[in-house]
Amino acid sequence: MASRAEPSGPSARGGGGAGLLPPLLLLLAAAALVPRGDGQNLVTEDVTVVEGDVATISCRVKNSDDSVIQLLNPNRQTIYFRDFRPLKDSRFQLVNFSNSELRVSLTNVSISDEGRYFCQLYTDPPQEIYTTITVLVPPRNLVIDIQKEIAVEGEEIELNCTAMASRPATTIRWFKGNKELTGKSEVEQWSDMYTVTSQLLLKVGREDDGVPVICLVDHPAVKDLQTQRYLEVMYKPQVRVSQNYPVQGLTREGEPLELTCAAFGKPQPTDMRWLRVDDEMPQHVVVSGSNLLISNLNKTDNGTYRCEASNAVGKSHADYMLFVYDPPTTIPPPTTTTTTTTTIPTTITDSRAGEEGSIRTVDHAVVGGVVAVVVFAMLCLLIILGRYFARHKGTYFTHEAKGADDAADADTAIINAEGGQNNSEEKKEYFI
């Protein structure tokens, strides 16, 4: 503490050539002081302050009787006697003085100011109570040290975070992104200061690339003190094969096929190639960079096509299983008296070549087509029968030759026939 030691007690001299204090005060200073406890007339509170800030000490009297109030430092040097400051330390300033309170401020507090400060009341008998000033020191520096600046996927790296010269010892917490991790801390004490180092072991993956690792300090003297380092992780390529054409259809015989290979890694893959697994690449296959094209599929193209990509870390691949299906077929029309042709549609569920799947024939479409053919045939039959009955609606009967069936010859039949020339007036016709 930047101050000049002064004799303690009522005999202390004031700054600027102040005279001796009254002899009565010497007697009071020699008297026994009443310890802290119930029934004390003095009141004060402990003070906690961050280094460099201002601490305020208050000595209050519950029931004032105009007795003298005095404030002493941990070395029992008089700071203030009533409103007079014997100690030549300008950092102490009088804030308030009355018969019931002596309030003093201490600016630019340092560790050396920490300790007990005594409030004395010169009553009969004299009273004393103390207040404790606690000085907090935030960490001087916060540093993350990483074992490897660039890590490879799957490696375990070591990170160390150090908080230097704090009081009290700080607590260090680790975060990866928003997830809290657990580290192992060690504390070293130097004089009144503490240095804390926390170690974190972290196994990194490709998802950690570019993610911040944060070292956060928990300390009563500081808020939101943290530092961070961004992870840089190398990883082998991630390969994906996609079918450009046909977009969502089956790979049928005679149709084209176009595949594209995409690869991502760190560093970016520099080598990419197509090959056919367990067989040679067909001669009519065209490979252009990351694209593979077959303009006219046939069943000899069936197989597994692989795209490989590599970088400095390693090699990866993705497979595409090609199965070439027959071209679509139709059912011939039924035999009828009309020229109408009925085609039975066949619906096949699309599945991407290169993936496991099976073709499903939709039975409902086939059944519907057969029913349509049967209904059409029945309608044609009804039409033909209707026309036949329309032409033969009834039979026309006459009785002009009635009785001619029993005649022996034609002349006799004519003579016997009812309705001949002789009986023309009796002719009758019946229409059924």
Protein backbone atom coordinates (compact mmCIF):
# COMPACT_ATOMS: atom_id res chain seq x y z
CA MET A 1 0.00 0.00 0.00
CA ALA A 2 1.44 3.34 -1.03
CA SER A 3 1.49 4.96 2.39
CA ARG A 4 3.87 6.10 5.08
CA ALA A 5 3.72 4.19 8.31
CA GLU A 6 2.34 6.26 11.13
CA PRO A 7 2.16 5.50 14.85
CA SER A 8 -1.11 3.84 15.62
CA GLY A 9 -3.61 4.92 18.18
CA PRO A 10 -4.63 8.35 19.39
CA SER A 11 -1.00 9.56 19.49
CA ALA A 12 -0.73 9.47 15.67
CA ARG A 13 0.33 12.77 14.15
CA GLY A 14 -1.67 14.33 11.35
CA GLY A 15 -0.25 15.34 7.98
CA GLY A 16 1.00 18.86 7.43
CA GLY A 17 2.46 19.36 10.95
CA ALA A 18 -0.67 18.63 12.96
CA GLY A 19 -0.24 18.74 16.75
CA LEU A 20 -0.60 15.94 19.29
CA LEU A 21 -4.01 14.53 19.98
CA PRO A 22 -5.61 15.25 23.38
CA PRO A 23 -4.12 13.21 26.25
CA LEU A 24 -7.56 11.81 27.03
CA LEU A 25 -7.45 9.88 23.77
CA LEU A 26 -4.20 8.26 24.83
CA LEU A 27 -5.93 6.83 27.84
CA LEU A 28 -8.85 5.63 25.79
CA ALA A 29 -6.55 3.92 23.32
CA ALA A 30 -4.88 2.02 26.11
CA ALA A 31 -8.19 0.79 27.44
CA ALA A 32 -9.40 -2.72 26.65
CA LEU A 33 -11.62 -2.94 23.53
CA VAL A 34 -14.90 -4.78 23.66
CA PRO A 35 -14.91 -7.76 21.22
CA ARG A 36 -17.53 -8.19 18.48
CA GLY A 37 -20.77 -9.69 19.66
CA ASP A 38 -24.37 -9.05 20.53
CA GLY A 39 -25.22 -5.70 22.05
CA GLN A 40 -22.55 -3.82 20.11
CA ASN A 41 -23.43 -0.27 19.21
CA LEU A 42 -21.20 -0.35 16.09
CA VAL A 43 -22.28 -1.77 12.74
CA THR A 44 -20.22 -2.48 9.59
CA GLU A 45 -20.10 -4.91 6.62
CA ASP A 46 -17.39 -6.87 4.88
CA VAL A 47 -16.30 -5.53 1.50
CA THR A 48 -15.37 -7.50 -1.65
CA VAL A 49 -13.79 -5.49 -4.43
CA VAL A 50 -12.06 -6.16 -7.73
CA GLU A 51 -8.47 -5.04 -7.96
CA GLY A 52 -8.31 -1.47 -9.24
CA ASP A 53 -11.86 -0.60 -8.21
CA VAL A 54 -13.12 1.45 -5.22
CA ALA A 55 -13.83 -0.03 -1.78
CA THR A 56 -16.12 1.82 0.65
CA ILE A 57 -15.80 1.23 4.41
CA SER A 58 -18.65 2.34 6.67
CA CYS A 59 -18.56 2.55 10.47
CA ARG A 60 -22.09 3.25 11.81
CA VAL A 61 -23.40 3.85 15.31
CA LYS A 62 -26.81 2.51 16.20
CA ASN A 63 -27.51 4.88 19.10
CA SER A 64 -25.23 7.88 18.88
CA ASP A 65 -24.10 9.69 22.04
CA ASP A 66 -21.63 11.96 20.22
CA SER A 67 -18.74 9.61 20.99
CA VAL A 68 -15.66 9.75 18.74
CA ILE A 69 -15.50 7.33 15.77
CA GLN A 70 -12.13 6.18 14.44
CA LEU A 71 -11.07 3.95 11.47
CA LEU A 72 -7.80 1.98 11.51
CA ASN A 73 -6.05 -0.08 8.81
CA PRO A 74 -4.87 -3.74 9.24
CA ASN A 75 -1.59 -2.42 10.71
CA ARG A 76 -3.68 -0.45 13.24
CA GLN A 77 -2.65 2.86 11.78
CA THR A 78 -5.30 5.53 12.11
CA ILE A 79 -6.89 6.30 8.75
CA TYR A 80 -9.52 8.75 10.01
CA PHE A 81 -10.14 10.20 13.47
CA ARG A 82 -13.54 11.80 13.20
CA ASP A 83 -13.17 13.83 9.96
CA PHE A 84 -9.40 14.17 10.26
CA ARG A 85 -7.02 11.93 8.26
CA PRO A 86 -3.66 11.40 9.99
CA LEU A 87 -2.52 8.81 7.38
CA LYS A 88 -0.89 10.40 4.36
CA ASP A 89 -2.47 8.18 1.73
CA SER A 90 -4.58 10.22 -0.64
CA ARG A 91 -6.38 7.12 -1.87
CA PHE A 92 -8.47 7.29 1.32
CA GLN A 93 -11.18 9.93 1.03
CA LEU A 94 -13.90 10.94 3.44
CA VAL A 95 -17.33 10.21 1.99
CA ASN A 96 -19.51 11.04 4.98
CA PHE A 97 -18.98 12.03 8.59
CA SER A 98 -21.57 12.57 11.31
CA ASN A 99 -22.17 11.58 14.91
CA SER A 100 -23.65 8.28 13.69
CA GLU A 101 -21.42 7.34 10.69
CA LEU A 102 -17.89 7.50 9.37
CA ARG A 103 -17.73 6.46 5.72
CA VAL A 104 -14.42 6.29 3.85
CA SER A 105 -13.59 5.28 0.26
CA LEU A 106 -10.38 3.60 -0.92
CA THR A 107 -9.59 4.01 -4.61
CA ASN A 108 -7.39 1.85 -6.85
CA VAL A 109 -7.50 -1.10 -4.49
CA SER A 110 -4.59 -3.58 -4.66
CA ILE A 111 -3.81 -6.92 -3.08
CA SER A 112 -1.77 -5.19 -0.36
CA ASP A 113 -4.95 -3.44 0.82
CA GLU A 114 -6.60 -6.72 1.71
CA GLY A 115 -7.22 -7.46 5.42
CA ARG A 116 -9.16 -6.33 8.48
CA TYR A 117 -10.06 -2.66 9.04
CA PHE A 118 -11.19 -1.64 12.52
CA CYS A 119 -13.99 0.71 13.54
CA GLN A 120 -13.56 2.09 17.09
CA LEU A 121 -16.07 4.01 19.16
CA TYR A 122 -14.69 5.83 22.21
CA THR A 123 -17.43 5.16 24.71
CA ASP A 124 -17.16 3.91 28.25
CA PRO A 125 -16.11 1.19 27.89
CA PRO A 126 -14.69 1.61 24.33
CA GLN A 127 -16.14 -0.52 21.49
CA GLU A 128 -14.49 -2.02 18.41
CA ILE A 129 -15.67 -3.97 15.38
CA TYR A 130 -13.81 -4.95 12.21
CA THR A 131 -14.67 -5.25 8.52
CA THR A 132 -12.72 -7.41 6.06
CA ILE A 133 -11.73 -6.20 2.62
CA THR A 134 -11.31 -9.02 0.09
CA VAL A 135 -9.59 -8.16 -3.19
CA LEU A 136 -10.44 -10.18 -6.32
CA VAL A 137 -7.95 -10.40 -9.18
CA PRO A 138 -9.21 -11.53 -12.61
CA PRO A 139 -6.96 -13.70 -14.79
CA ARG A 140 -4.20 -11.67 -16.42
CA ASN A 141 -4.27 -13.72 -19.59
CA LEU A 142 -6.28 -16.56 -21.14
CA VAL A 143 -4.59 -18.68 -23.80
CA ILE A 144 -5.51 -21.87 -25.71
CA ASP A 145 -2.59 -24.00 -26.86
CA ILE A 146 -3.44 -26.74 -29.39
CA GLN A 147 -1.23 -29.77 -29.95
CA LYS A 148 -1.72 -29.93 -33.76
CA GLU A 149 -2.86 -27.06 -35.91
CA ILE A 150 -4.23 -29.47 -38.55
CA ALA A 151 -5.61 -32.84 -37.46
CA VAL A 152 -6.68 -35.90 -39.45
CA GLU A 153 -10.10 -37.46 -39.02
CA GLY A 154 -10.05 -40.02 -36.20
CA GLU A 155 -7.03 -38.53 -34.39
CA GLU A 156 -7.06 -37.54 -30.71
CA ILE A 157 -5.63 -34.09 -30.13
CA GLU A 158 -4.69 -32.26 -26.92
CA LEU A 159 -5.75 -28.70 -26.10
CA ASN A 160 -4.58 -26.69 -23.07
CA CYS A 161 -6.18 -23.52 -21.73
CA THR A 162 -4.25 -21.43 -19.18
CA ALA A 163 -5.65 -18.65 -16.95
CA MET A 164 -2.75 -16.77 -15.39
CA ALA A 165 -2.42 -14.88 -12.08
CA SER A 166 -5.92 -14.81 -10.67
CA ARG A 167 -7.26 -14.55 -7.15
CA PRO A 168 -8.98 -16.76 -6.16
CA ALA A 169 -8.18 -19.67 -8.47
CA THR A 170 -10.41 -19.65 -11.53
CA THR A 171 -12.60 -22.43 -12.92
CA ILE A 172 -12.16 -23.33 -16.59
CA ARG A 173 -14.96 -24.79 -18.73
CA TRP A 174 -14.70 -26.24 -22.24
CA PHE A 175 -17.21 -26.08 -25.10
CA LYS A 176 -17.18 -27.50 -28.63
CA GLY A 177 -19.76 -25.43 -30.43
CA ASN A 178 -22.71 -25.45 -28.01
CA LYS A 179 -21.76 -28.74 -26.34
CA GLU A 180 -19.90 -28.61 -23.02
CA LEU A 181 -16.93 -30.94 -22.63
CA THR A 182 -14.97 -32.08 -19.58
CA GLY A 183 -11.32 -31.19 -19.08
CA LYS A 184 -8.76 -31.85 -16.36
CA SER A 185 -7.44 -28.83 -14.41
CA GLU A 186 -4.25 -28.21 -12.43
CA VAL A 187 -3.72 -25.26 -10.05
CA GLU A 188 -0.36 -23.62 -9.26
CA GLN A 189 0.03 -20.96 -6.57
CA TRP A 190 2.59 -18.16 -6.84
CA SER A 191 2.58 -15.96 -3.75
CA ASP A 192 -1.03 -14.76 -3.49
CA MET A 193 -1.88 -15.57 -7.12
CA TYR A 194 -3.10 -18.73 -8.82
CA THR A 195 -2.45 -20.05 -12.32
CA VAL A 196 -4.88 -22.69 -13.62
CA THR A 197 -4.26 -24.95 -16.63
CA SER A 198 -6.99 -27.19 -18.03
CA GLN A 199 -6.27 -30.04 -20.44
CA LEU A 200 -8.82 -31.36 -22.97
CA LEU A 201 -8.39 -34.54 -25.05
CA LEU A 202 -10.59 -34.48 -28.13
CA LYS A 203 -11.07 -37.13 -30.85
CA VAL A 204 -11.94 -35.25 -34.03
CA GLY A 205 -14.08 -36.20 -37.02
CA ARG A 206 -14.96 -34.56 -40.32
CA GLU A 207 -17.97 -32.91 -38.68
CA ASP A 208 -15.57 -30.99 -36.39
CA ASP A 209 -13.86 -29.15 -39.24
CA GLY A 210 -14.41 -25.41 -38.75
CA VAL A 211 -16.08 -25.85 -35.33
CA PRO A 212 -14.84 -23.52 -32.54
CA VAL A 213 -13.43 -24.95 -29.31
CA ILE A 214 -14.10 -22.43 -26.52
CA CYS A 215 -12.26 -21.98 -23.20
CA LEU A 216 -14.55 -20.14 -20.75
CA VAL A 217 -13.55 -18.73 -17.35
CA ASP A 218 -15.78 -18.79 -14.25
CA HIS A 219 -14.43 -16.17 -11.83
CA PRO A 220 -16.17 -13.69 -9.46
CA ALA A 221 -14.02 -10.81 -10.73
CA VAL A 222 -14.91 -11.14 -14.42
CA LYS A 223 -17.82 -12.06 -16.68
CA ASP A 224 -17.83 -13.57 -20.17
CA LEU A 225 -14.07 -14.00 -20.33
CA GLN A 226 -13.34 -16.60 -23.00
CA THR A 227 -11.09 -17.47 -25.88
CA GLN A 228 -11.51 -19.92 -28.75
CA ARG A 229 -9.72 -21.81 -31.49
CA TYR A 230 -11.22 -23.22 -34.68
CA LEU A 231 -10.51 -26.86 -35.48
CA GLU A 232 -9.09 -27.78 -38.87
CA VAL A 233 -9.69 -31.44 -39.72
CA MET A 234 -8.55 -33.30 -42.85
CA TYR A 235 -10.71 -36.19 -44.07
CA LYS A 236 -10.88 -38.56 -47.03
CA PRO A 237 -13.43 -38.02 -49.83
CA GLN A 238 -17.13 -38.65 -49.47
CA VAL A 239 -18.42 -40.01 -52.81
CA ARG A 240 -21.98 -40.01 -54.19
CA VAL A 241 -23.31 -41.32 -57.56
CA SER A 242 -26.50 -39.89 -59.01
CA GLN A 243 -28.54 -40.91 -62.09
CA ASN A 244 -29.18 -37.99 -64.45
CA TYR A 245 -31.11 -39.93 -67.11
CA PRO A 246 -33.59 -41.52 -67.06
CA VAL A 247 -34.67 -39.18 -64.29
CA GLN A 248 -37.15 -41.45 -62.53
CA GLY A 249 -37.67 -44.27 -65.00
CA LEU A 250 -36.32 -47.76 -65.37
CA THR A 251 -33.13 -48.48 -67.24
CA ARG A 252 -34.58 -50.26 -70.29
CA GLU A 253 -32.91 -51.93 -73.20
CA GLY A 254 -32.23 -49.54 -76.07
CA GLU A 255 -32.48 -46.40 -73.94
CA PRO A 256 -29.59 -44.14 -72.75
CA LEU A 257 -28.11 -43.91 -69.24
CA GLU A 258 -26.17 -41.01 -67.75
CA LEU A 259 -24.46 -41.09 -64.32
CA THR A 260 -22.65 -38.32 -62.41
CA CYS A 261 -20.11 -38.79 -59.61
CA ALA A 262 -19.65 -36.11 -56.91
CA ALA A 263 -16.84 -36.21 -54.33
CA PHE A 264 -16.15 -33.93 -51.35
CA GLY A 265 -13.17 -34.05 -49.02
CA LYS A 266 -10.44 -32.03 -47.34
CA PRO A 267 -8.32 -31.44 -49.25
CA GLN A 268 -10.58 -31.55 -52.31
CA PRO A 269 -10.11 -34.84 -54.23
CA THR A 270 -7.72 -34.53 -57.16
CA ASP A 271 -8.14 -38.03 -58.66
CA MET A 272 -11.52 -39.42 -59.76
CA ARG A 273 -12.17 -42.44 -62.03
CA TRP A 274 -14.89 -44.87 -63.17
CA LEU A 275 -14.51 -48.66 -63.31
CA ARG A 276 -16.67 -51.74 -63.62
CA VAL A 277 -16.47 -54.11 -60.66
CA ASP A 278 -15.38 -57.67 -61.50
CA ASP A 279 -15.50 -57.03 -65.25
CA GLU A 280 -14.11 -54.84 -67.99
CA MET A 281 -15.74 -51.56 -68.91
CA PRO A 282 -17.87 -51.98 -72.10
CA GLN A 283 -16.29 -50.35 -75.15
CA HIS A 284 -19.40 -48.28 -75.93
CA VAL A 285 -19.34 -46.63 -72.50
CA VAL A 286 -18.20 -43.00 -72.65
CA VAL A 287 -16.49 -41.52 -69.54
CA SER A 288 -16.03 -37.75 -69.45
CA GLY A 289 -14.59 -36.46 -66.18
CA SER A 290 -17.13 -37.25 -63.47
CA ASN A 291 -19.83 -38.36 -65.97
CA LEU A 292 -20.51 -41.83 -67.40
CA LEU A 293 -22.73 -42.25 -70.50
CA ILE A 294 -24.20 -45.33 -72.18
CA SER A 295 -26.20 -44.24 -75.24
CA ASN A 296 -27.83 -47.61 -76.04
CA LEU A 297 -28.35 -49.98 -73.14
CA ASN A 298 -28.33 -53.75 -73.58
CA LYS A 299 -28.34 -56.64 -71.16
CA THR A 300 -24.59 -57.13 -71.47
CA ASP A 301 -24.20 -53.81 -69.61
CA ASN A 302 -25.61 -55.30 -66.41
CA GLY A 303 -23.21 -55.02 -63.48
CA THR A 304 -21.77 -52.74 -60.80
CA TYR A 305 -20.15 -49.47 -61.81
CA ARG A 306 -17.85 -47.81 -59.26
CA CYS A 307 -16.67 -44.22 -58.91
CA GLU A 308 -13.43 -43.83 -56.95
CA ALA A 309 -11.99 -40.58 -55.55
CA SER A 310 -8.82 -39.97 -53.52
CA ASN A 311 -6.91 -37.19 -51.78
CA ALA A 312 -3.93 -36.90 -49.45
CA VAL A 313 -5.85 -38.55 -46.59
CA GLY A 314 -7.25 -41.61 -48.36
CA LYS A 315 -9.53 -43.16 -50.98
CA SER A 316 -13.30 -43.70 -51.06
CA HIS A 317 -15.83 -45.02 -53.58
CA ALA A 318 -19.53 -45.31 -54.35
CA ASP A 319 -21.20 -48.10 -56.37
CA TYR A 320 -24.08 -48.08 -58.87
CA MET A 321 -25.80 -51.40 -59.68
CA LEU A 322 -27.16 -51.44 -63.24
CA PHE A 323 -29.90 -53.83 -64.32
CA VAL A 324 -31.25 -53.44 -67.85
CA TYR A 325 -34.95 -54.31 -68.24
CA ASP A 326 -36.89 -55.37 -71.34
CA PRO A 327 -38.53 -52.62 -73.39
CA PRO A 328 -42.27 -52.08 -72.69
CA THR A 329 -44.72 -54.55 -74.39
CA THR A 330 -48.47 -54.43 -75.36
CA ILE A 331 -51.28 -57.09 -75.50
CA PRO A 332 -52.92 -57.69 -79.00
CA PRO A 333 -56.59 -56.62 -79.41
CA PRO A 334 -59.46 -59.19 -79.04
CA THR A 335 -61.18 -60.71 -82.17
CA THR A 336 -64.49 -58.84 -82.76
CA THR A 337 -66.66 -57.64 -85.67
CA THR A 338 -65.35 -54.11 -85.16
CA THR A 339 -61.95 -52.59 -85.79
CA THR A 340 -61.53 -51.38 -82.19
CA THR A 341 -58.17 -52.32 -80.67
CA THR A 342 -57.80 -52.64 -76.92
CA THR A 343 -54.33 -52.39 -75.38
CA ILE A 344 -53.77 -53.79 -71.92
CA PRO A 345 -51.51 -51.32 -70.08
CA THR A 346 -48.82 -52.72 -67.87
CA THR A 347 -47.66 -50.56 -64.97
CA ILE A 348 -44.24 -51.23 -63.51
CA THR A 349 -43.02 -49.53 -60.38
CA ASP A 350 -39.86 -47.53 -61.10
CA SER A 351 -36.72 -48.40 -59.21
CA ARG A 352 -33.34 -46.74 -59.52
CA ALA A 353 -30.63 -48.89 -61.04
CA GLY A 354 -27.78 -49.36 -58.64
CA GLU A 355 -30.09 -49.85 -55.70
CA GLU A 356 -31.70 -52.99 -54.47
CA GLY A 357 -35.29 -53.22 -55.68
CA SER A 358 -37.72 -55.35 -57.62
CA ILE A 359 -40.26 -54.71 -60.39
CA ARG A 360 -43.83 -54.99 -59.29
CA THR A 361 -46.58 -55.69 -61.90
CA VAL A 362 -49.80 -53.97 -61.03
CA ASP A 363 -52.40 -56.79 -61.25
CA HIS A 364 -55.30 -54.36 -61.05
CA ALA A 365 -54.48 -52.88 -64.45
CA VAL A 366 -54.37 -56.32 -66.11
CA VAL A 367 -57.66 -57.39 -64.54
CA GLY A 368 -59.26 -54.12 -65.62
CA GLY A 369 -58.11 -54.66 -69.21
CA VAL A 370 -59.53 -58.20 -69.34
CA VAL A 371 -62.87 -57.05 -67.93
CA ALA A 372 -63.03 -54.30 -70.56
CA VAL A 373 -62.52 -56.85 -73.36
CA VAL A 374 -65.28 -59.13 -71.99
CA VAL A 375 -67.74 -56.25 -71.63
CA PHE A 376 -66.98 -55.08 -75.17
CA ALA A 377 -67.60 -58.59 -76.62
CA MET A 378 -70.94 -58.87 -74.80
CA LEU A 379 -72.04 -55.50 -76.15
CA CYS A 380 -71.23 -56.58 -79.72
CA LEU A 381 -73.21 -59.83 -79.27
CA LEU A 382 -76.25 -57.93 -77.97
CA ILE A 383 -76.13 -55.61 -80.97
CA ILE A 384 -76.09 -58.55 -83.45
CA LEU A 385 -79.01 -60.32 -81.69
CA GLY A 386 -81.03 -57.11 -81.64
CA ARG A 387 -80.70 -56.61 -85.36
CA TYR A 388 -81.74 -60.24 -86.07
CA PHE A 389 -84.94 -60.01 -84.04
CA ALA A 390 -85.78 -56.68 -85.59
CA ARG A 391 -85.86 -58.28 -89.04
CA HIS A 392 -88.07 -61.23 -87.96
CA LYS A 393 -90.65 -59.49 -85.82
CA GLY A 394 -93.58 -61.96 -86.82
CA THR A 395 -95.05 -64.33 -89.38
CA TYR A 396 -97.77 -63.42 -91.97
CA PHE A 397 -100.44 -66.06 -92.40
CA THR A 398 -103.28 -66.24 -95.01
CA HIS A 399 -106.24 -68.70 -95.40
CA GLU A 400 -106.62 -68.52 -99.20
CA ALA A 401 -105.45 -72.13 -99.64
CA LYS A 402 -107.22 -73.53 -96.60
CA GLY A 403 -108.50 -77.05 -97.45
CA ALA A 404 -106.09 -77.61 -100.33
CA ASP A 405 -103.88 -79.86 -98.27
CA ASP A 406 -106.29 -82.89 -98.73
CA ALA A 407 -106.84 -82.52 -102.52
CA ALA A 408 -105.56 -85.25 -104.85
CA ASP A 409 -104.36 -82.87 -107.53
CA ALA A 410 -103.97 -79.21 -108.21
CA ASP A 411 -107.29 -78.70 -109.88
CA THR A 412 -109.17 -80.31 -107.02
CA ALA A 413 -107.21 -78.20 -104.57
CA ILE A 414 -108.22 -75.02 -106.33
CA ILE A 415 -111.84 -76.11 -106.37
CA ASN A 416 -111.77 -77.12 -102.70
CA ALA A 417 -109.82 -74.12 -101.50
CA GLU A 418 -111.70 -71.73 -99.32
CA GLY A 419 -111.46 -68.27 -100.56
CA GLY A 420 -111.49 -69.24 -104.32
CA GLN A 421 -113.31 -67.21 -106.98
CA ASN A 422 -116.62 -68.50 -105.76
CA ASN A 423 -116.08 -67.56 -102.14
CA SER A 424 -114.18 -64.37 -102.46
CA GLU A 425 -116.56 -62.55 -100.22
CA GLU A 426 -115.73 -64.90 -97.34
CA LYS A 427 -111.98 -64.39 -97.59
CA LYS A 428 -110.42 -63.52 -94.26
CA GLU A 429 -106.89 -62.57 -93.40
CA TYR A 430 -105.10 -63.08 -90.13
CA PHE A 431 -101.97 -61.38 -89.15
CA ILE A 432 -99.99 -62.63 -86.31
